[in-house]
Each structure stands twice: as C-alpha cells, then as structure tokens.
Amino acid sequence: MNNILEVDDPRGAHIVLTEENWEKHIKRRHKEMETKLDLIAETLKNPFPYIYRDAIHENRLSYYSKPDHMYIKVSVEMLSEKYGIVRTAMRCSTCKKGEEIEWAYSNRYLISEK
C-alpha cells in the first residue's frame, strides 16, 4: 500500500493518505476533492481553528479548514497517539454536530482540551 501523502499535524502526529483510500474512496465518493490533494495536506498541517473528536468513531479526528465559503473536512483514523490514516476528505457547509474539540489554535499558542 503506497502513501500518496505524508504530513505531520500541529500536534506532532504523522498522518498518511494511502493510494487505495485516495483512489477507491475519496476520488469516487467525493469527486469535488479530486484536484484538492494540496488542500487536504494544508488542512492536516494547519487546521483552523480546531481539530475535533469525531461524533461517531471514537478513534477518529476531524480536521477542518475553510479556504473559501465551504469547509474542507479530513477524517483521520488514529492508530496510535502519533500516527493516523486519512479515511475520507470532503467539502461541507458546516462542522458536524456532536463533535468535541480535541485541539485548538488560539492567539499564537496551542490549547489542548485533553
């Protein structure tokens, strides 16, 4: 399984996107992301303003950015505290209800909710 993207998030976790998840899930089910690999990387490296704990999957984090009128959401399954795999990425109009803040960037310093 080849990785087409590898980045470190602001918490120091190493996040990868496999070629299989990119080709078989993201590009097929979220066609609007087909040319947005750079936005996925940027969202993982610089989520703003929050990283959320997923409302349904307890081992997943949701990274958001808002480059225009829509959010970019990248869902990452954390296999350990410092390693995760991108499961999906999509554009959405709002952050998902029920998600809780895991990490926030505020006023030039990091705030951890843990």
Protein backbone atom coordinates (compact mmCIF):
# COMPACT_ATOMS: atom_id res chain seq x y z
CA MET A 1 0.00 0.00 0.00
CA ASN A 2 1.66 3.23 -1.20
CA ASN A 3 1.22 6.54 0.55
CA ILE A 4 0.48 9.48 -1.72
CA LEU A 5 0.58 11.99 1.14
CA GLU A 6 2.51 12.11 4.41
CA VAL A 7 2.38 15.13 6.74
CA ASP A 8 2.81 15.96 10.40
CA ASP A 9 -0.09 17.72 12.09
CA PRO A 10 0.47 20.59 14.58
CA ARG A 11 0.30 18.12 17.49
CA GLY A 12 3.23 16.16 16.04
CA ALA A 13 1.18 13.20 14.76
CA HIS A 14 2.27 11.66 11.46
CA ILE A 15 -0.71 11.39 9.09
CA VAL A 16 -0.73 9.40 5.83
CA LEU A 17 -3.15 9.11 2.91
CA THR A 18 -2.86 5.79 1.10
CA GLU A 19 -3.23 5.49 -2.63
CA GLU A 20 -6.02 2.97 -2.04
CA ASN A 21 -8.11 5.35 0.12
CA TRP A 22 -7.49 8.17 -2.36
CA GLU A 23 -8.46 6.17 -5.47
CA LYS A 24 -11.17 3.87 -4.10
CA HIS A 25 -12.92 6.18 -1.65
CA ILE A 26 -12.17 9.89 -1.85
CA LYS A 27 -11.99 10.28 -5.64
CA ARG A 28 -15.03 8.05 -6.19
CA ARG A 29 -17.35 9.27 -3.42
CA HIS A 30 -16.19 12.89 -3.12
CA LYS A 31 -15.41 13.91 -6.70
CA GLU A 32 -15.13 17.56 -5.66
CA MET A 33 -11.85 16.61 -3.91
CA GLU A 34 -10.27 15.01 -6.98
CA THR A 35 -7.97 18.00 -7.61
CA LYS A 36 -7.64 19.08 -3.97
CA LEU A 37 -4.78 16.93 -2.65
CA ASP A 38 -2.91 20.14 -1.76
CA LEU A 39 -5.90 21.33 0.33
CA ILE A 40 -6.03 18.02 2.17
CA ALA A 41 -2.34 18.38 3.06
CA GLU A 42 -2.78 22.00 4.13
CA THR A 43 -5.83 21.14 6.26
CA LEU A 44 -3.87 18.43 8.09
CA LYS A 45 -0.83 20.67 8.64
CA ASN A 46 -2.78 23.81 9.55
CA PRO A 47 -6.30 23.01 10.76
CA PHE A 48 -8.07 26.17 11.77
CA PRO A 49 -9.42 26.80 14.21
CA TYR A 50 -9.92 23.28 15.59
CA ILE A 51 -9.31 19.57 15.38
CA TYR A 52 -12.41 17.76 16.59
CA ARG A 53 -13.01 14.28 18.03
CA ASP A 54 -15.46 12.53 15.69
CA ALA A 55 -19.04 12.21 16.97
CA ILE A 56 -19.41 8.57 15.87
CA HIS A 57 -15.97 6.95 15.65
CA GLU A 58 -14.07 7.34 18.92
CA ASN A 59 -10.65 6.78 17.33
CA ARG A 60 -11.16 9.36 14.56
CA LEU A 61 -10.31 13.03 14.44
CA SER A 62 -11.85 15.61 12.11
CA TYR A 63 -9.54 18.28 10.72
CA TYR A 64 -11.19 21.38 9.24
CA SER A 65 -10.10 24.37 7.20
CA LYS A 66 -12.12 26.98 5.35
CA PRO A 67 -10.30 28.16 2.22
CA ASP A 68 -13.49 29.71 0.79
CA HIS A 69 -17.23 29.63 1.53
CA MET A 70 -17.09 25.86 2.23
CA TYR A 71 -15.13 23.85 4.78
CA ILE A 72 -12.65 21.12 3.93
CA LYS A 73 -13.08 18.19 6.33
CA VAL A 74 -10.45 15.47 6.59
CA SER A 75 -11.34 12.45 8.72
CA VAL A 76 -8.33 10.63 10.20
CA GLU A 77 -8.35 7.28 11.98
CA MET A 78 -5.75 7.48 14.73
CA LEU A 79 -3.99 4.12 15.05
CA SER A 80 -1.88 5.50 17.89
CA GLU A 81 -1.43 8.88 19.54
CA LYS A 82 1.19 9.86 16.95
CA TYR A 83 0.07 8.02 13.77
CA GLY A 84 -3.09 8.24 11.70
CA ILE A 85 -4.55 7.32 8.30
CA VAL A 86 -6.84 9.57 6.27
CA ARG A 87 -10.14 7.73 5.80
CA THR A 88 -12.03 10.41 3.87
CA ALA A 89 -11.96 14.05 2.81
CA MET A 90 -14.83 16.22 1.61
CA ARG A 91 -16.22 19.71 1.31
CA CYS A 92 -19.05 20.61 3.69
CA SER A 93 -21.02 23.70 4.66
CA THR A 94 -20.68 23.29 8.46
CA CYS A 95 -18.76 21.35 11.06
CA LYS A 96 -20.53 18.18 12.12
CA LYS A 97 -22.82 18.44 15.16
CA GLY A 98 -21.77 16.41 18.17
CA GLU A 99 -18.04 16.66 17.54
CA GLU A 100 -15.96 17.82 20.50
CA ILE A 101 -12.86 19.99 20.35
CA GLU A 102 -9.66 17.94 20.64
CA TRP A 103 -7.19 20.71 19.82
CA ALA A 104 -7.39 24.44 19.14
CA TYR A 105 -5.07 27.13 17.84
CA SER A 106 -5.73 30.36 19.66
CA ASN A 107 -3.90 33.66 19.93
CA ARG A 108 -0.49 32.34 18.82
CA TYR A 109 -0.41 29.46 21.28
CA LEU A 110 -1.80 25.95 21.33
CA ILE A 111 -4.57 24.88 23.66
CA SER A 112 -5.13 21.19 24.24
CA GLU A 113 -8.52 20.09 25.51
CA LYS A 114 -7.05 16.90 26.95
